[in-house]
Amino acid sequence: MPLQNPALAARPGNPHAGIGDKIRGALAVGKTRWGMLALVFFATTLNYIDRAALGVMQPILAKEMSWTAMDYANINFWFQVGYAIGFVLQGRLIDRVGVKRVFFCAVLLWSLATGAHGLATSAVGFMVCRFILGLTEAANYPACVKTTRLWFPAGERAVATGIFNAGTNVGAMMTPMLLPLILHVWGWQAAFLCMSALGGIWLLFWGLKYYNPEDHPTVKQSELDYVQQQVEPEQPRVPFSRILRMRGTWAFALAYSLTAPVFWFYLYWLPPFLNQQYNLGINVTQMGIPLIIIYLTADFGSVGGGILSSFLIGRGMNSIKARLLSMLLFACCIVGVIMAAGSSQLWVAVFAISLAIGAHQAWTANIWSLVMDYTPKHMMSTVFGFGGMCAAIGGMFMTQVVGHILTVTNNNYTVLFTLIPAMYFIALVWMYFMAPRKIPTVDV
């Protein structure tokens, strides 16, 4: 018998509704939260266009400025330094000042930093620009996670997280599609200026449209009740030192530190790998099509990973258990990436990397949702920011390790692709034993 009230289908605890019923029910409750999600999706897309551009243009810039592999590694290293500092500072600021104001300022500054790349004339100049870009772009994920935590109940969080995180892949996919044309017509300096201008357009929409749920002028009461259905204990503000003593903070921080740098490896080193291994040029038909396929698969993984754990929650499984079980499945899918480095066939490597990066994004949607499930909302950005800082520090050393390995092995990627799957299983074991099973009451 069909459900009489479509809104009931959206409730996480309803085990009898199909996927279509749940989608219709989620929209029947109200659409405002999906508008807020669209804003952070486009911010994430912009964030990754700005990041991915350097990897795509690396062969041109390396030739223009005589970069070595270590120069390129050092440029990415200083981005990670800024990213690490920015994560912890801006995560704390978002919790204290509010997501709307902090995120607006961050995107304004990172857009200016992106444009400044067009003025750089050396590896050192790019290091300075990348440091400032990392410092400001670090606000993106604490802001997106905070927005998702405020606007979505537990049963929808993984799907919402997967959708906004799909912006990473859309950005990485759009970059090789658009950059070759801009490079051909105007040159690499104009490419950075065009990306800077996109940030200004997004700022206009964010400033006019974003509000927290309780402050939104047009949100329906039914949607507000649905968003705030989870009862949480009233908790006072706590000092940063107390947050650092929470078990859940370190559960997320160390697990995320092991796996987040893998995506940065793909982002920074995948274009040079394809260029070297298969002699691909920087154009849409050669470099562009493989990267588009890889990141399109990542989009499906990002959203699909969220759907899986949300489905399990809808069938009555505890949210923490649903996330961990989903993460185990996705870790198993990543093992196939080992065959990428040794393959002489481009499309075998593309398939292996596509599966791995899709599973990585599915994993990410669930680990972010997991930390939302057990973290009080008033400290969400602080916990996520600290974890992001730890991951960025891991990324800093990863860029140095990758640069060193490629230097001593004459650009052999086999060792790097072999190590990737192990990181996920280590992280999963850590999360299984350390992640809290409910939102804790925190004493000052």
Protein backbone atom coordinates (compact mmCIF):
# COMPACT_ATOMS: atom_id res chain seq x y z
CA MET A 1 0.00 0.00 0.00
CA PRO A 2 1.46 3.45 -0.86
CA LEU A 3 2.38 5.83 1.88
CA GLN A 4 -0.40 8.29 2.63
CA ASN A 5 1.89 11.09 3.75
CA PRO A 6 4.87 11.54 1.41
CA ALA A 7 6.83 13.38 4.09
CA LEU A 8 6.92 10.19 6.15
CA ALA A 9 8.97 8.51 3.45
CA ALA A 10 11.86 10.83 4.10
CA ARG A 11 12.22 9.82 7.72
CA PRO A 12 15.37 7.77 8.34
CA GLY A 13 13.58 5.24 10.49
CA ASN A 14 11.04 4.19 7.88
CA PRO A 15 12.17 0.77 6.61
CA HIS A 16 9.33 0.28 4.12
CA ALA A 17 9.84 3.20 1.72
CA GLY A 18 11.69 2.78 -1.56
CA ILE A 19 14.35 5.14 -2.90
CA GLY A 20 11.82 7.02 -5.02
CA ASP A 21 9.46 7.43 -2.07
CA LYS A 22 12.29 8.75 0.07
CA ILE A 23 13.33 11.29 -2.55
CA ARG A 24 9.75 12.51 -2.97
CA GLY A 25 9.28 12.59 0.77
CA ALA A 26 12.50 14.52 1.32
CA LEU A 27 11.36 17.18 -1.14
CA ALA A 28 7.82 17.25 0.30
CA VAL A 29 9.20 18.18 3.73
CA GLY A 30 10.75 21.30 2.17
CA LYS A 31 13.38 22.36 -0.36
CA THR A 32 15.24 25.12 1.47
CA ARG A 33 17.97 22.84 2.83
CA TRP A 34 18.73 21.64 -0.70
CA GLY A 35 19.26 25.24 -1.76
CA MET A 36 21.79 25.65 1.06
CA LEU A 37 23.46 22.44 -0.11
CA ALA A 38 23.68 23.81 -3.68
CA LEU A 39 25.62 26.82 -2.38
CA VAL A 40 28.28 24.69 -0.70
CA PHE A 41 28.38 22.32 -3.70
CA PHE A 42 29.31 25.20 -6.00
CA ALA A 43 31.83 26.51 -3.47
CA THR A 44 33.51 23.10 -3.44
CA THR A 45 33.50 23.01 -7.24
CA LEU A 46 35.19 26.41 -7.33
CA ASN A 47 37.64 25.32 -4.64
CA TYR A 48 38.83 22.40 -6.73
CA ILE A 49 38.96 24.27 -10.02
CA ASP A 50 41.44 26.60 -8.32
CA ARG A 51 43.46 23.65 -6.98
CA ALA A 52 43.36 21.30 -9.98
CA ALA A 53 44.51 23.97 -12.43
CA LEU A 54 48.10 23.76 -11.22
CA GLY A 55 48.31 20.01 -11.89
CA VAL A 56 46.89 20.38 -15.40
CA MET A 57 49.20 23.30 -16.25
CA GLN A 58 52.27 21.74 -14.61
CA PRO A 59 53.99 20.71 -17.87
CA ILE A 60 53.57 24.24 -19.29
CA LEU A 61 54.66 26.00 -16.11
CA ALA A 62 57.57 23.60 -15.55
CA LYS A 63 58.87 24.36 -19.04
CA GLU A 64 58.23 28.11 -18.69
CA MET A 65 60.05 28.41 -15.35
CA SER A 66 62.42 25.40 -15.49
CA TRP A 67 60.81 23.62 -12.52
CA THR A 68 62.22 20.30 -11.30
CA ALA A 69 60.10 17.53 -9.70
CA MET A 70 61.18 18.84 -6.28
CA ASP A 71 60.20 22.42 -7.20
CA TYR A 72 56.71 21.18 -8.00
CA ALA A 73 56.65 19.11 -4.80
CA ASN A 74 57.73 22.16 -2.78
CA ILE A 75 55.02 24.34 -4.34
CA ASN A 76 52.42 21.79 -3.25
CA PHE A 77 54.13 21.46 0.14
CA TRP A 78 53.61 25.16 0.90
CA PHE A 79 49.97 24.90 -0.12
CA GLN A 80 49.63 22.15 2.50
CA VAL A 81 51.37 24.29 5.13
CA GLY A 82 48.83 27.05 4.60
CA TYR A 83 46.03 24.49 4.43
CA ALA A 84 47.01 22.98 7.78
CA ILE A 85 47.13 26.34 9.55
CA GLY A 86 43.92 27.52 7.89
CA PHE A 87 41.97 24.39 8.77
CA VAL A 88 42.34 24.67 12.52
CA LEU A 89 42.02 28.47 12.64
CA GLN A 90 38.99 28.73 10.39
CA GLY A 91 37.26 25.71 11.84
CA ARG A 92 37.37 27.41 15.24
CA LEU A 93 36.31 30.76 13.73
CA ILE A 94 33.28 29.22 12.03
CA ASP A 95 32.04 27.80 15.35
CA ARG A 96 32.63 31.12 17.14
CA VAL A 97 31.67 33.75 14.54
CA GLY A 98 29.31 31.86 12.24
CA VAL A 99 29.58 30.03 8.95
CA LYS A 100 28.14 32.81 6.76
CA ARG A 101 30.60 35.57 7.60
CA VAL A 102 33.73 33.45 7.89
CA PHE A 103 33.11 31.56 4.66
CA PHE A 104 32.37 34.77 2.75
CA CYS A 105 35.70 36.30 3.82
CA ALA A 106 37.58 33.09 3.06
CA VAL A 107 36.26 32.78 -0.51
CA LEU A 108 36.98 36.46 -1.15
CA LEU A 109 40.59 36.01 -0.06
CA TRP A 110 41.18 32.74 -1.90
CA SER A 111 39.81 34.27 -5.12
CA LEU A 112 42.30 37.12 -4.81
CA ALA A 113 45.10 34.61 -4.13
CA THR A 114 44.13 32.63 -7.24
CA GLY A 115 44.35 35.74 -9.39
CA ALA A 116 47.76 36.55 -7.88
CA HIS A 117 49.17 33.33 -9.41
CA GLY A 118 49.04 35.09 -12.78
CA LEU A 119 51.63 37.59 -11.53
CA ALA A 120 54.14 34.96 -10.29
CA THR A 121 57.35 34.54 -12.30
CA SER A 122 59.23 31.81 -10.40
CA ALA A 123 58.81 28.71 -8.27
CA VAL A 124 59.20 30.86 -5.14
CA GLY A 125 56.40 33.16 -6.31
CA PHE A 126 54.13 30.17 -6.77
CA MET A 127 55.06 28.90 -3.31
CA VAL A 128 53.90 32.19 -1.77
CA CYS A 129 50.65 32.20 -3.77
CA ARG A 130 49.94 28.55 -2.93
CA PHE A 131 50.55 29.17 0.78
CA ILE A 132 47.96 31.97 0.83
CA LEU A 133 45.57 29.89 -1.28
CA GLY A 134 45.87 26.94 1.13
CA LEU A 135 45.38 29.19 4.16
CA THR A 136 42.08 30.54 2.80
CA GLU A 137 40.75 27.50 0.92
CA ALA A 138 40.95 25.51 4.15
CA ALA A 139 37.66 27.14 5.22
CA ASN A 140 35.73 25.24 2.55
CA TYR A 141 35.25 21.86 4.19
CA PRO A 142 34.66 23.02 7.78
CA ALA A 143 32.04 25.40 6.35
CA CYS A 144 30.43 22.71 4.18
CA VAL A 145 30.35 20.16 6.98
CA LYS A 146 28.96 22.74 9.42
CA THR A 147 26.24 23.68 6.92
CA THR A 148 25.34 20.01 6.40
CA ARG A 149 25.31 19.37 10.16
CA LEU A 150 22.95 22.33 10.69
CA TRP A 151 20.60 21.69 7.76
CA PHE A 152 20.31 17.87 7.50
CA PRO A 153 19.19 15.12 9.91
CA ALA A 154 21.30 11.97 10.35
CA GLY A 155 19.44 9.94 7.72
CA GLU A 156 20.22 12.47 4.98
CA ARG A 157 23.70 13.59 6.00
CA ALA A 158 25.73 11.06 4.04
CA VAL A 159 23.78 11.79 0.85
CA ALA A 160 24.09 15.55 1.41
CA THR A 161 27.81 15.14 2.17
CA GLY A 162 28.29 13.05 -0.96
CA ILE A 163 26.54 15.70 -3.06
CA PHE A 164 28.57 18.67 -1.87
CA ASN A 165 31.78 16.64 -1.96
CA ALA A 166 30.96 15.72 -5.57
CA GLY A 167 31.90 19.32 -6.26
CA THR A 168 35.53 18.26 -5.86
CA ASN A 169 35.21 15.94 -8.81
CA VAL A 170 33.14 18.37 -10.88
CA GLY A 171 35.83 20.99 -10.33
CA ALA A 172 38.64 18.58 -11.15
CA MET A 173 36.68 17.43 -14.23
CA MET A 174 35.82 20.91 -15.52
CA THR A 175 39.41 22.09 -15.24
CA PRO A 176 40.88 19.95 -18.08
CA MET A 177 37.78 20.75 -20.17
CA LEU A 178 38.03 24.54 -19.90
CA LEU A 179 41.73 25.24 -19.35
CA PRO A 180 43.07 24.12 -22.76
CA LEU A 181 40.86 26.67 -24.54
CA ILE A 182 41.86 29.51 -22.20
CA LEU A 183 45.53 28.52 -22.44
CA HIS A 184 45.38 28.47 -26.22
CA VAL A 185 43.60 31.83 -26.57
CA TRP A 186 44.95 33.94 -23.69
CA GLY A 187 47.76 32.06 -21.94
CA TRP A 188 48.28 30.68 -18.43
CA GLN A 189 48.14 34.06 -16.65
CA ALA A 190 44.60 34.68 -17.93
CA ALA A 191 43.54 31.22 -16.69
CA PHE A 192 44.22 32.22 -13.08
CA LEU A 193 42.39 35.54 -13.54
CA CYS A 194 39.31 33.78 -14.96
CA MET A 195 39.19 31.44 -11.97
CA SER A 196 39.45 34.43 -9.64
CA ALA A 197 36.43 36.04 -11.31
CA LEU A 198 34.31 32.92 -10.70
CA GLY A 199 34.82 33.39 -6.97
CA GLY A 200 33.28 36.86 -7.15
CA ILE A 201 30.12 35.46 -8.75
CA TRP A 202 29.72 32.85 -6.01
CA LEU A 203 30.19 35.46 -3.27
CA LEU A 204 27.15 37.37 -4.52
CA PHE A 205 24.88 34.32 -4.17
CA TRP A 206 26.27 33.30 -0.77
CA GLY A 207 25.87 36.76 0.69
CA LEU A 208 22.26 37.03 -0.46
CA LYS A 209 20.96 33.48 0.02
CA TYR A 210 22.65 31.69 2.95
CA TYR A 211 21.10 31.62 6.46
CA ASN A 212 21.25 29.18 9.37
CA PRO A 213 17.99 27.18 9.78
CA GLU A 214 16.59 29.17 12.71
CA ASP A 215 17.35 32.49 10.94
CA HIS A 216 16.12 31.68 7.43
CA PRO A 217 13.28 34.07 6.46
CA THR A 218 11.33 31.65 4.23
CA VAL A 219 11.95 28.13 5.57
CA LYS A 220 8.76 26.19 6.35
CA GLN A 221 8.15 25.18 9.96
CA SER A 222 7.70 21.56 8.86
CA GLU A 223 11.18 21.55 7.31
CA LEU A 224 12.69 23.26 10.34
CA ASP A 225 11.15 20.61 12.63
CA TYR A 226 12.44 17.86 10.32
CA VAL A 227 15.97 19.30 10.23
CA GLN A 228 16.08 19.67 14.02
CA GLN A 229 14.39 16.34 14.86
CA GLN A 230 17.46 14.89 16.59
CA VAL A 231 17.35 15.73 20.29
CA GLU A 232 20.76 16.83 21.57
CA PRO A 233 21.72 17.62 25.15
CA GLU A 234 22.20 21.31 25.95
CA GLN A 235 25.93 21.86 26.14
CA PRO A 236 28.02 24.91 27.05
CA ARG A 237 30.82 26.28 24.94
CA VAL A 238 34.00 24.47 25.73
CA PRO A 239 37.64 25.58 25.34
CA PHE A 240 39.75 24.21 22.52
CA SER A 241 41.90 22.30 25.01
CA ARG A 242 38.85 20.33 26.15
CA ILE A 243 37.92 19.46 22.56
CA LEU A 244 41.44 18.08 22.08
CA ARG A 245 40.85 15.69 24.98
CA MET A 246 37.76 14.16 23.37
CA ARG A 247 38.15 10.64 22.02
CA GLY A 248 36.07 11.42 18.94
CA THR A 249 38.37 14.27 17.93
CA TRP A 250 41.35 11.94 17.65
CA ALA A 251 39.28 9.12 16.13
CA PHE A 252 38.51 11.35 13.16
CA ALA A 253 41.80 13.26 13.03
CA LEU A 254 44.10 10.26 12.66
CA ALA A 255 41.84 8.28 10.33
CA TYR A 256 41.33 11.29 8.07
CA SER A 257 45.07 12.03 8.11
CA LEU A 258 45.75 8.60 6.65
CA THR A 259 43.29 8.80 3.75
CA ALA A 260 42.75 12.47 2.77
CA PRO A 261 46.27 12.89 1.28
CA VAL A 262 45.45 10.14 -1.24
CA PHE A 263 43.02 12.43 -3.07
CA TRP A 264 45.62 15.20 -3.10
CA PHE A 265 48.05 12.71 -4.63
CA TYR A 266 45.56 12.10 -7.43
CA LEU A 267 44.89 15.80 -7.86
CA TYR A 268 48.53 16.91 -8.02
CA TRP A 269 50.28 13.92 -9.57
CA LEU A 270 47.71 12.20 -11.80
CA PRO A 271 48.09 14.63 -14.76
CA PRO A 272 51.92 14.36 -14.68
CA PHE A 273 51.61 10.54 -14.36
CA LEU A 274 49.34 10.27 -17.41
CA ASN A 275 51.49 12.71 -19.34
CA GLN A 276 54.66 10.72 -18.62
CA GLN A 277 53.29 7.17 -18.80
CA TYR A 278 51.15 7.53 -21.93
CA ASN A 279 52.54 10.68 -23.61
CA LEU A 280 49.26 12.57 -23.34
CA GLY A 281 49.19 16.20 -24.39
CA ILE A 282 47.38 18.97 -22.53
CA ASN A 283 44.19 19.08 -24.55
CA VAL A 284 40.63 17.84 -24.20
CA THR A 285 40.98 14.78 -26.42
CA GLN A 286 44.20 13.40 -24.88
CA MET A 287 44.55 14.47 -21.23
CA GLY A 288 41.01 15.77 -20.83
CA ILE A 289 38.95 12.65 -21.63
CA PRO A 290 40.75 10.28 -19.18
CA LEU A 291 40.54 12.88 -16.38
CA ILE A 292 36.86 13.54 -17.11
CA ILE A 293 36.07 9.82 -16.91
CA ILE A 294 38.06 9.42 -13.69
CA TYR A 295 36.39 12.34 -11.93
CA LEU A 296 32.93 11.52 -13.30
CA THR A 297 33.31 8.10 -11.66
CA ALA A 298 34.35 9.88 -8.49
CA ASP A 299 31.08 11.85 -8.59
CA PHE A 300 29.07 8.64 -8.74
CA GLY A 301 31.11 7.24 -5.86
CA SER A 302 30.62 10.35 -3.75
CA VAL A 303 26.83 10.33 -4.02
CA GLY A 304 26.48 6.53 -4.15
CA GLY A 305 28.52 6.09 -0.98
CA GLY A 306 26.14 8.37 0.85
CA ILE A 307 23.11 6.52 -0.51
CA LEU A 308 24.43 3.17 0.75
CA SER A 309 24.82 4.17 4.39
CA SER A 310 21.55 6.15 4.31
CA PHE A 311 19.81 3.03 2.96
CA LEU A 312 21.23 0.95 5.82
CA ILE A 313 20.10 3.56 8.35
CA GLY A 314 16.65 3.54 6.76
CA ARG A 315 16.55 -0.23 7.31
CA GLY A 316 17.07 0.28 11.02
CA MET A 317 20.86 -0.02 11.34
CA ASN A 318 22.65 2.26 13.80
CA SER A 319 24.19 5.20 11.92
CA ILE A 320 27.76 4.59 13.19
CA LYS A 321 27.63 0.92 12.22
CA ALA A 322 26.17 1.78 8.81
CA ARG A 323 29.02 4.19 8.10
CA LEU A 324 31.73 1.72 9.19
CA LEU A 325 30.25 -1.15 7.16
CA SER A 326 30.05 1.07 4.08
CA MET A 327 33.65 2.19 4.57
CA LEU A 328 34.84 -1.44 4.71
CA LEU A 329 33.21 -2.15 1.35
CA PHE A 330 34.78 0.91 -0.24
CA ALA A 331 38.24 0.12 1.17
CA CYS A 332 38.05 -3.26 -0.58
CA CYS A 333 37.24 -1.55 -3.88
CA ILE A 334 40.40 0.58 -3.66
CA VAL A 335 42.75 -2.43 -3.77
CA GLY A 336 42.49 -2.59 -7.57
CA VAL A 337 44.48 0.65 -7.96
CA ILE A 338 47.67 -1.39 -7.57
CA MET A 339 47.40 -2.46 -11.23
CA ALA A 340 47.42 1.15 -12.49
CA ALA A 341 51.14 1.90 -12.35
CA GLY A 342 52.32 -1.23 -14.12
CA SER A 343 49.82 -1.20 -16.95
CA SER A 344 50.97 -0.37 -20.46
CA GLN A 345 47.36 0.21 -21.50
CA LEU A 346 45.93 3.67 -20.82
CA TRP A 347 42.34 2.51 -20.34
CA VAL A 348 43.29 -0.26 -17.90
CA ALA A 349 44.97 2.38 -15.75
CA VAL A 350 42.02 4.74 -16.16
CA PHE A 351 39.60 1.99 -15.06
CA ALA A 352 41.68 1.08 -11.99
CA ILE A 353 42.14 4.70 -10.93
CA SER A 354 38.48 5.51 -11.59
CA LEU A 355 37.32 2.67 -9.33
CA ALA A 356 39.77 3.70 -6.61
CA ILE A 357 38.97 7.40 -6.67
CA GLY A 358 35.22 6.68 -6.77
CA ALA A 359 35.57 4.43 -3.73
CA HIS A 360 37.72 7.09 -2.03
CA GLN A 361 34.98 9.69 -2.43
CA ALA A 362 32.38 7.23 -1.14
CA TRP A 363 34.65 6.56 1.86
CA THR A 364 35.02 10.31 2.45
CA ALA A 365 31.25 10.91 2.41
CA ASN A 366 30.90 8.32 5.17
CA ILE A 367 33.80 9.33 7.39
CA TRP A 368 32.57 12.94 7.33
CA SER A 369 29.02 11.82 8.11
CA LEU A 370 30.33 9.59 10.89
CA VAL A 371 32.07 12.49 12.66
CA MET A 372 28.87 14.54 12.28
CA ASP A 373 26.88 11.73 13.92
CA TYR A 374 28.87 11.77 17.15
CA THR A 375 29.98 15.43 17.40
CA PRO A 376 27.85 18.14 19.09
CA LYS A 377 26.85 20.73 16.48
CA HIS A 378 28.29 23.71 18.37
CA MET A 379 31.82 22.26 18.06
CA MET A 380 31.46 20.58 14.66
CA SER A 381 33.71 22.93 12.68
CA THR A 382 36.37 22.92 15.41
CA VAL A 383 36.61 19.11 15.47
CA PHE A 384 36.55 18.91 11.68
CA GLY A 385 39.06 21.76 11.39
CA PHE A 386 41.49 20.03 13.73
CA GLY A 387 41.15 16.79 11.78
CA GLY A 388 41.64 18.68 8.55
CA MET A 389 44.77 20.32 9.95
CA CYS A 390 46.21 16.90 10.82
CA ALA A 391 45.33 15.64 7.33
CA ALA A 392 46.98 18.68 5.74
CA ILE A 393 50.14 18.06 7.76
CA GLY A 394 50.06 14.50 6.45
CA GLY A 395 49.64 15.94 2.96
CA MET A 396 52.66 18.20 3.47
CA PHE A 397 54.90 15.25 4.14
CA MET A 398 53.21 13.20 1.42
CA THR A 399 54.23 15.73 -1.23
CA GLN A 400 57.83 15.52 -0.02
CA VAL A 401 57.77 11.72 0.05
CA VAL A 402 56.20 11.54 -3.41
CA GLY A 403 58.75 14.00 -4.83
CA HIS A 404 61.63 12.05 -3.23
CA ILE A 405 60.38 8.63 -4.41
CA LEU A 406 59.87 9.87 -7.97
CA THR A 407 63.33 11.48 -7.96
CA VAL A 408 65.21 8.38 -6.77
CA THR A 409 63.16 5.95 -8.92
CA ASN A 410 63.29 8.06 -12.08
CA ASN A 411 59.53 8.82 -11.92
CA ASN A 412 58.35 5.26 -11.15
CA TYR A 413 54.86 5.36 -9.58
CA THR A 414 54.57 1.65 -8.66
CA VAL A 415 55.49 2.03 -4.97
CA LEU A 416 53.03 4.91 -4.53
CA PHE A 417 50.06 3.06 -6.03
CA THR A 418 50.89 -0.04 -3.96
CA LEU A 419 50.82 1.82 -0.64
CA ILE A 420 47.45 3.51 -1.19
CA PRO A 421 45.03 0.67 -0.25
CA ALA A 422 46.77 -0.09 3.06
CA MET A 423 46.02 3.42 4.33
CA TYR A 424 42.26 2.82 4.28
CA PHE A 425 42.32 -0.45 6.22
CA ILE A 426 44.54 1.04 8.93
CA ALA A 427 42.21 4.04 9.20
CA LEU A 428 39.12 1.80 9.36
CA VAL A 429 40.48 -0.28 12.24
CA TRP A 430 41.32 2.91 14.13
CA MET A 431 37.81 4.33 13.61
CA TYR A 432 36.15 1.07 14.62
CA PHE A 433 37.79 1.06 18.04
CA MET A 434 37.89 4.81 18.70
CA ALA A 435 34.71 6.38 17.27
CA PRO A 436 32.06 7.17 19.95
CA ARG A 437 28.69 5.47 19.39
CA LYS A 438 26.60 8.52 20.38
CA ILE A 439 26.84 12.29 20.94
CA PRO A 440 28.69 12.73 24.25
CA THR A 441 27.84 15.20 26.99
CA VAL A 442 30.91 17.43 27.31
CA ASP A 443 31.77 19.07 30.63
CA VAL A 444 33.81 22.26 30.62
